[in-house]
Each structure stands twice: as structure tokens, then as C-alpha cells.
N, C-alpha and C. Protein backbone atom coordinates (compact mmCIF):
# COMPACT_ATOMS: atom_id res chain seq x y z
N UNK A 1 159.06 125.95 82.47
CA UNK A 1 159.31 124.78 83.04
C UNK A 1 159.41 124.75 84.34
N UNK A 2 158.73 123.98 84.66
CA UNK A 2 158.90 123.61 86.15
C UNK A 2 159.18 122.29 86.61
N UNK A 3 158.95 122.37 88.14
CA UNK A 3 159.46 121.36 88.56
C UNK A 3 158.34 120.57 89.51
N UNK A 4 158.57 118.91 89.99
CA UNK A 4 158.21 118.25 90.77
C UNK A 4 159.09 118.12 91.20
N UNK A 5 158.76 118.20 92.56
CA UNK A 5 160.14 117.36 93.47
C UNK A 5 159.25 116.11 94.69
N UNK A 6 160.05 115.07 93.75
CA UNK A 6 159.79 114.14 94.49
C UNK A 6 159.70 113.38 95.96
N UNK A 7 159.43 113.04 97.58
CA UNK A 7 159.80 112.54 98.03
C UNK A 7 160.96 113.08 99.21
N UNK A 8 162.01 113.26 99.19
CA UNK A 8 163.03 113.61 100.12
C UNK A 8 163.76 114.69 98.94
N UNK A 9 163.74 115.18 98.04
CA UNK A 9 164.16 116.00 96.83
C UNK A 9 165.18 114.70 95.82
N UNK A 10 165.50 113.52 96.13
CA UNK A 10 166.31 113.09 95.42
C UNK A 10 165.76 113.26 93.80
N UNK A 11 164.44 112.95 93.54
CA UNK A 11 163.78 113.04 92.32
C UNK A 11 163.54 114.43 92.07
N UNK A 12 163.88 115.01 90.82
CA UNK A 12 163.32 116.60 90.31
C UNK A 12 162.79 115.52 88.47
N UNK A 13 162.10 115.82 88.93
CA UNK A 13 161.75 115.80 87.21
C UNK A 13 160.29 117.35 86.46
N UNK A 14 161.29 117.51 85.26
CA UNK A 14 160.52 119.33 84.83
C UNK A 14 159.40 118.69 83.83
N UNK A 15 158.63 119.63 83.63
CA UNK A 15 156.91 119.97 83.55
C UNK A 15 157.44 120.73 82.84
N UNK A 16 156.66 121.02 81.95
CA UNK A 16 156.02 122.53 81.30
C UNK A 16 154.83 123.05 82.67
N UNK A 17 155.11 124.29 82.53
CA UNK A 17 153.73 125.31 83.64
C UNK A 17 152.59 124.53 84.14
N UNK A 18 152.28 124.57 82.18
CA UNK A 18 150.40 124.15 82.06
C UNK A 18 150.15 122.63 82.54
N UNK A 19 151.30 121.73 82.03
CA UNK A 19 150.64 120.33 82.76
C UNK A 19 151.20 120.55 84.30
N UNK A 20 152.03 120.89 84.55
CA UNK A 20 152.78 120.73 86.07
C UNK A 20 151.31 121.84 87.12
N UNK A 21 150.88 122.24 86.75
CA UNK A 21 149.29 123.22 87.14
C UNK A 21 148.46 121.88 86.94
N UNK A 22 147.86 121.27 85.87
CA UNK A 22 146.93 120.37 85.76
C UNK A 22 147.06 119.36 87.00
N UNK A 23 148.39 118.51 86.61
CA UNK A 23 149.39 117.73 88.03
C UNK A 23 148.63 118.03 89.31
N UNK A 24 148.96 119.26 89.48
CA UNK A 24 149.22 119.35 90.65
C UNK A 24 148.07 119.34 91.49
N UNK A 25 146.62 119.51 90.43
CA UNK A 25 144.85 119.74 90.83
C UNK A 25 144.90 118.52 91.11
N UNK A 26 145.62 117.50 89.75
CA UNK A 26 144.67 116.22 90.44
C UNK A 26 145.85 115.28 91.65
N UNK A 27 146.76 115.70 91.74
CA UNK A 27 147.39 115.09 92.83
C UNK A 27 146.70 115.87 94.30
N UNK A 28 146.40 116.94 94.38
CA UNK A 28 145.71 117.78 95.03
C UNK A 28 144.76 116.32 95.63
N UNK A 29 143.73 116.75 95.02
CA UNK A 29 142.09 115.59 94.45
C UNK A 29 142.63 114.67 95.50
N UNK A 30 143.18 113.46 94.80
CA UNK A 30 143.46 112.18 95.19
C UNK A 30 144.37 112.02 96.58
N UNK A 31 145.50 113.28 97.03
CA UNK A 31 145.73 112.86 97.85
C UNK A 31 144.65 113.28 99.13
N UNK A 32 143.66 114.42 98.97
CA UNK A 32 142.26 114.82 99.91
C UNK A 32 141.57 113.92 100.31
N UNK A 33 141.72 113.02 99.57
CA UNK A 33 141.03 111.69 99.11
C UNK A 33 141.44 110.87 100.17
N UNK A 34 142.87 110.56 100.21
CA UNK A 34 143.07 109.25 100.54
C UNK A 34 143.46 108.51 99.90
N UNK A 35 143.72 108.66 98.92
CA UNK A 35 143.69 108.10 97.67
C UNK A 35 145.47 107.68 97.21
N UNK A 36 146.08 106.78 96.47
CA UNK A 36 147.29 106.87 96.31
C UNK A 36 146.73 106.32 95.00
N UNK A 37 148.10 105.93 94.53
CA UNK A 37 148.21 105.99 92.82
C UNK A 37 149.26 106.02 92.46
N UNK A 38 149.85 105.37 91.44
CA UNK A 38 151.50 105.50 90.14
C UNK A 38 151.04 106.43 89.39
N UNK A 39 152.47 107.69 89.06
CA UNK A 39 152.08 108.66 88.09
C UNK A 39 153.05 108.31 87.44
N UNK A 40 152.95 107.58 86.05
CA UNK A 40 154.06 107.86 84.30
C UNK A 40 154.02 108.47 84.20
N UNK A 41 154.82 109.17 83.74
CA UNK A 41 155.25 109.64 82.25
C UNK A 41 156.46 108.86 81.89
N UNK A 42 156.48 109.93 80.34
CA UNK A 42 158.08 109.19 79.33
C UNK A 42 158.84 110.20 79.71
N UNK A 43 159.87 109.39 79.24
CA UNK A 43 160.69 110.23 79.43
C UNK A 43 161.67 110.19 78.69
N UNK A 44 162.64 111.22 78.12
CA UNK A 44 163.15 112.26 77.02
C UNK A 44 164.42 110.80 76.21
N UNK A 45 164.98 111.17 75.50
CA UNK A 45 166.07 110.62 74.68
C UNK A 45 167.41 110.64 75.63
N UNK A 46 167.43 111.99 76.47
CA UNK A 46 168.72 112.11 77.31
C UNK A 46 169.06 111.38 78.55
N UNK A 47 167.79 111.06 79.26
CA UNK A 47 167.57 109.74 80.13
C UNK A 47 166.88 108.18 80.24
N UNK A 48 166.98 108.37 78.44
CA UNK A 48 166.87 106.32 78.99
C UNK A 48 165.65 106.66 78.06
N UNK A 49 164.79 107.15 77.32
CA UNK A 49 164.17 107.22 76.17
C UNK A 49 162.82 106.07 76.86
N UNK A 50 162.74 105.87 78.22
CA UNK A 50 161.77 104.90 78.83
C UNK A 50 160.48 105.31 79.11
N UNK A 51 160.27 105.11 79.96
CA UNK A 51 159.55 105.79 80.49
C UNK A 51 159.26 105.36 82.62
N UNK A 52 158.94 106.51 83.39
CA UNK A 52 159.29 106.93 84.80
C UNK A 52 157.68 106.92 85.44
N UNK A 53 158.39 105.73 86.57
CA UNK A 53 156.92 105.31 87.57
C UNK A 53 157.47 106.16 88.81
N UNK A 54 156.25 107.35 89.54
CA UNK A 54 156.48 107.47 90.85
C UNK A 54 155.00 107.10 91.50
N UNK A 55 155.31 106.54 93.03
CA UNK A 55 153.63 106.11 93.40
C UNK A 55 153.46 107.42 94.52
N UNK A 56 152.50 107.95 94.43
CA UNK A 56 151.76 109.01 94.86
C UNK A 56 150.51 108.44 96.32
N UNK A 57 151.53 108.84 97.48
CA UNK A 57 150.53 109.04 98.39
C UNK A 57 150.23 109.81 99.65
N UNK A 58 149.02 110.57 100.54
CA UNK A 58 149.93 111.66 101.14
C UNK A 58 151.29 111.21 101.66
N UNK A 59 151.38 110.22 102.72
CA UNK A 59 152.69 110.75 103.06
C UNK A 59 153.81 110.29 102.64
N UNK A 60 153.90 110.23 100.96
CA UNK A 60 155.23 110.94 100.40
C UNK A 60 155.03 112.55 100.06
N UNK A 61 155.63 112.78 100.52
CA UNK A 61 156.02 114.25 100.40
C UNK A 61 156.30 114.83 98.99
N UNK A 62 155.54 116.23 98.29
CA UNK A 62 155.42 116.69 97.01
C UNK A 62 155.72 118.02 97.09
N UNK A 63 156.60 118.31 96.19
CA UNK A 63 156.38 119.90 95.82
C UNK A 63 156.35 120.31 93.95
N UNK A 64 155.91 121.99 94.14
CA UNK A 64 155.50 121.56 92.79
C UNK A 64 156.17 122.95 92.86
N UNK A 65 156.91 123.52 92.33
CA UNK A 65 157.72 124.87 91.42
C UNK A 65 157.44 125.14 90.11
N UNK A 66 157.30 126.67 89.76
CA UNK A 66 156.45 127.02 88.85
C UNK A 66 157.78 128.00 88.10
N UNK A 67 158.03 127.88 87.35
CA UNK A 67 158.69 129.22 86.37
C UNK A 67 157.76 130.51 86.26
N UNK A 68 156.16 130.82 86.13
CA UNK A 68 155.43 131.19 85.95
C UNK A 68 154.77 132.21 87.36
N UNK A 69 154.68 132.61 87.53
CA UNK A 69 153.89 133.54 87.64
C UNK A 69 152.92 133.75 88.54
N UNK A 70 151.19 133.84 87.14
CA UNK A 70 150.04 133.99 87.26
C UNK A 70 149.57 132.62 87.29
N UNK A 71 148.88 132.10 87.86
CA UNK A 71 148.25 130.44 87.43
C UNK A 71 147.78 130.47 86.24
N UNK A 72 147.61 128.89 85.91
CA UNK A 72 147.51 128.82 84.19
C UNK A 72 146.02 128.66 84.62
N UNK A 73 144.64 128.73 83.64
CA UNK A 73 143.40 128.59 83.34
C UNK A 73 143.96 126.96 84.03
N UNK A 74 142.75 125.73 83.78
CA UNK A 74 142.15 124.96 84.28
C UNK A 74 141.65 124.30 83.25
N UNK A 75 142.05 122.79 82.35
CA UNK A 75 141.37 122.72 81.33
C UNK A 75 140.57 121.58 82.11
N UNK A 76 138.83 121.61 82.32
CA UNK A 76 138.53 120.22 83.40
C UNK A 76 138.45 119.46 82.86
N UNK A 77 138.09 118.70 81.27
CA UNK A 77 138.05 117.45 81.03
C UNK A 77 139.14 117.52 81.31
N UNK A 78 140.63 117.49 81.41
CA UNK A 78 141.63 117.07 81.55
C UNK A 78 141.89 116.65 82.84
N UNK A 79 141.73 117.18 83.59
CA UNK A 79 141.49 117.04 85.13
C UNK A 79 140.31 116.03 84.89
N UNK A 80 139.46 115.62 85.05
CA UNK A 80 138.96 114.63 84.82
C UNK A 80 139.41 113.49 84.72
N UNK A 81 139.85 113.75 83.38
CA UNK A 81 140.17 112.54 82.38
C UNK A 81 141.67 111.92 83.55
N UNK A 82 142.24 112.32 84.21
CA UNK A 82 143.45 112.13 84.91
C UNK A 82 142.60 111.87 86.07
N UNK A 83 142.26 111.98 86.64
CA UNK A 83 141.21 111.72 87.74
C UNK A 83 141.17 110.22 87.56
N UNK A 84 139.87 109.98 86.50
CA UNK A 84 139.49 108.44 86.25
C UNK A 84 141.33 107.55 85.91
N UNK A 85 141.96 108.27 85.48
CA UNK A 85 143.15 107.48 85.03
C UNK A 85 144.44 107.16 86.66
N UNK A 86 144.10 108.03 87.36
CA UNK A 86 144.91 107.61 88.52
C UNK A 86 144.17 106.83 89.30
N UNK A 87 142.63 106.49 89.22
CA UNK A 87 142.22 105.41 89.55
C UNK A 87 142.11 104.30 88.66
N UNK A 88 142.85 104.19 87.38
CA UNK A 88 142.19 102.41 87.08
C UNK A 88 143.95 101.91 88.22
N UNK A 89 144.01 100.80 87.22
CA UNK A 89 145.21 99.62 87.92
C UNK A 89 146.16 100.14 87.40
N UNK A 90 146.61 100.94 86.34
CA UNK A 90 147.34 101.05 85.28
C UNK A 90 147.95 102.48 85.73
N UNK A 91 147.20 103.12 86.28
CA UNK A 91 147.67 104.86 86.88
C UNK A 91 147.18 105.74 86.70
N UNK A 92 147.72 106.88 86.45
CA UNK A 92 147.94 108.29 85.55
C UNK A 92 149.48 107.68 84.95
N UNK A 93 149.30 107.68 83.80
CA UNK A 93 150.52 108.23 82.72
C UNK A 93 150.06 109.53 82.35
N UNK A 94 150.86 110.24 81.73
CA UNK A 94 150.66 111.56 81.78
C UNK A 94 150.62 111.88 79.97
N UNK A 95 149.27 112.38 79.91
CA UNK A 95 149.47 112.46 78.36
C UNK A 95 148.92 113.95 77.51
N UNK A 96 149.20 114.19 76.56
CA UNK A 96 149.16 115.65 76.51
C UNK A 96 147.71 115.93 75.68
N UNK A 97 146.98 117.32 76.29
CA UNK A 97 145.60 117.61 76.77
C UNK A 97 144.47 116.97 75.69
N UNK A 98 143.17 116.85 76.00
CA UNK A 98 142.89 115.30 75.14
C UNK A 98 142.51 115.67 73.79
N UNK A 99 142.59 116.84 73.72
CA UNK A 99 142.23 117.21 71.81
C UNK A 99 143.63 116.34 70.99
N UNK A 100 144.70 115.99 71.80
CA UNK A 100 145.49 114.86 71.06
C UNK A 100 145.61 113.82 71.90
N UNK A 101 145.63 113.68 73.22
CA UNK A 101 146.44 112.53 73.68
C UNK A 101 146.90 111.76 73.26
N UNK A 102 147.84 112.50 72.98
CA UNK A 102 149.55 111.65 72.59
C UNK A 102 150.05 111.73 74.22
N UNK A 103 151.25 110.73 74.25
CA UNK A 103 151.52 111.15 75.46
C UNK A 103 152.28 112.65 75.31
N UNK A 104 152.71 112.56 76.59
CA UNK A 104 153.88 113.87 77.23
C UNK A 104 155.15 113.81 76.91
N UNK A 105 155.87 114.22 75.10
CA UNK A 105 156.98 113.61 75.08
C UNK A 105 157.66 115.56 74.01
N UNK A 106 156.62 115.89 73.58
CA UNK A 106 157.05 116.57 72.93
C UNK A 106 158.06 117.59 72.82
N UNK A 107 158.78 118.64 72.30
CA UNK A 107 159.43 119.90 72.77
C UNK A 107 158.76 120.93 73.23
N UNK A 108 157.39 121.21 73.66
CA UNK A 108 156.94 121.73 73.61
C UNK A 108 156.93 121.21 75.08
N UNK A 109 156.70 120.12 76.08
CA UNK A 109 156.31 119.73 76.50
C UNK A 109 157.09 118.83 77.02
N UNK A 110 158.60 119.05 77.23
CA UNK A 110 159.38 118.18 77.77
C UNK A 110 159.42 117.68 78.91
N UNK A 111 159.55 116.45 79.88
CA UNK A 111 159.43 115.63 80.88
C UNK A 111 160.95 115.67 80.44
N UNK A 112 161.87 115.79 81.44
CA UNK A 112 163.41 115.35 81.89
C UNK A 112 163.67 114.96 83.49
N UNK A 113 164.46 113.75 84.26
CA UNK A 113 164.79 114.32 85.55
C UNK A 113 166.11 114.44 85.41
N UNK A 114 165.92 115.23 86.15
CA UNK A 114 167.29 116.32 86.42
C UNK A 114 167.98 115.04 87.29
N UNK A 115 169.38 115.15 86.96
CA UNK A 115 170.31 114.63 88.07
C UNK A 115 170.56 114.64 89.80
N UNK A 116 170.84 113.66 90.70
CA UNK A 116 170.80 114.25 91.53
C UNK A 116 171.69 115.56 92.09
N UNK A 117 171.20 116.76 93.01
CA UNK A 117 172.16 117.90 93.62
C UNK A 117 172.92 117.20 94.44
């Protein structure tokens, strides 16, 4: 599980490294274009079983920490669909790769908020 560190580091969200690699690509593309958007994901029961969202903007610091050394091969259709979703009024709601289209909530792609350090 990799970690997305948002803002000053008060919010740390764990994602499967493969999911995080795709997210890093999409965020990088959007921020380079000076575009802002909401990023949403579904929380596990451990943190309330709801949905969380953050505002992604060039002025907000982000860090991506991976637990794997090797870069993941990207699924281009997934990246493209994420870019389109990020440009919508709902923003980017993180989902599984296109073959399932299900929200990322399974045991294989668990998303958890870490407690503040």
C-alpha cells in the first residue's frame, strides 16, 4: 500500500500502489495544466464507511509514497477516463480499472485514512 500525503501532511490516505501510480499520473497531468478538481474515494468501515474528498490544486502540496520499487505499467484507458472524470462537475471519483467500473473499496484496493501523526 502506498500513501498519498495531502497538504501539510495532516491527511494521509493509503492506496494500492497500482491505483496510486495511476492517480499520480492523472494528478500530474491536471496540475501541469493548472486545472483544479475534487478527488473522491470511498472509505472503509474502519473510518466511517463513507466517502472522502479533497480539492486538488497546483498550490496544494502533494506527495506520493510507494511501497514497491518498480513502476507500474499504466492502463491508458483508465488514465484517460480518470482525466475526463476529473474535469466533470463531480470531480474524480476513484474507481476500479475500466473492466469492472466498481468503486475502489475491495480488500485488494483498500483505502484507509491514517490517523494524524
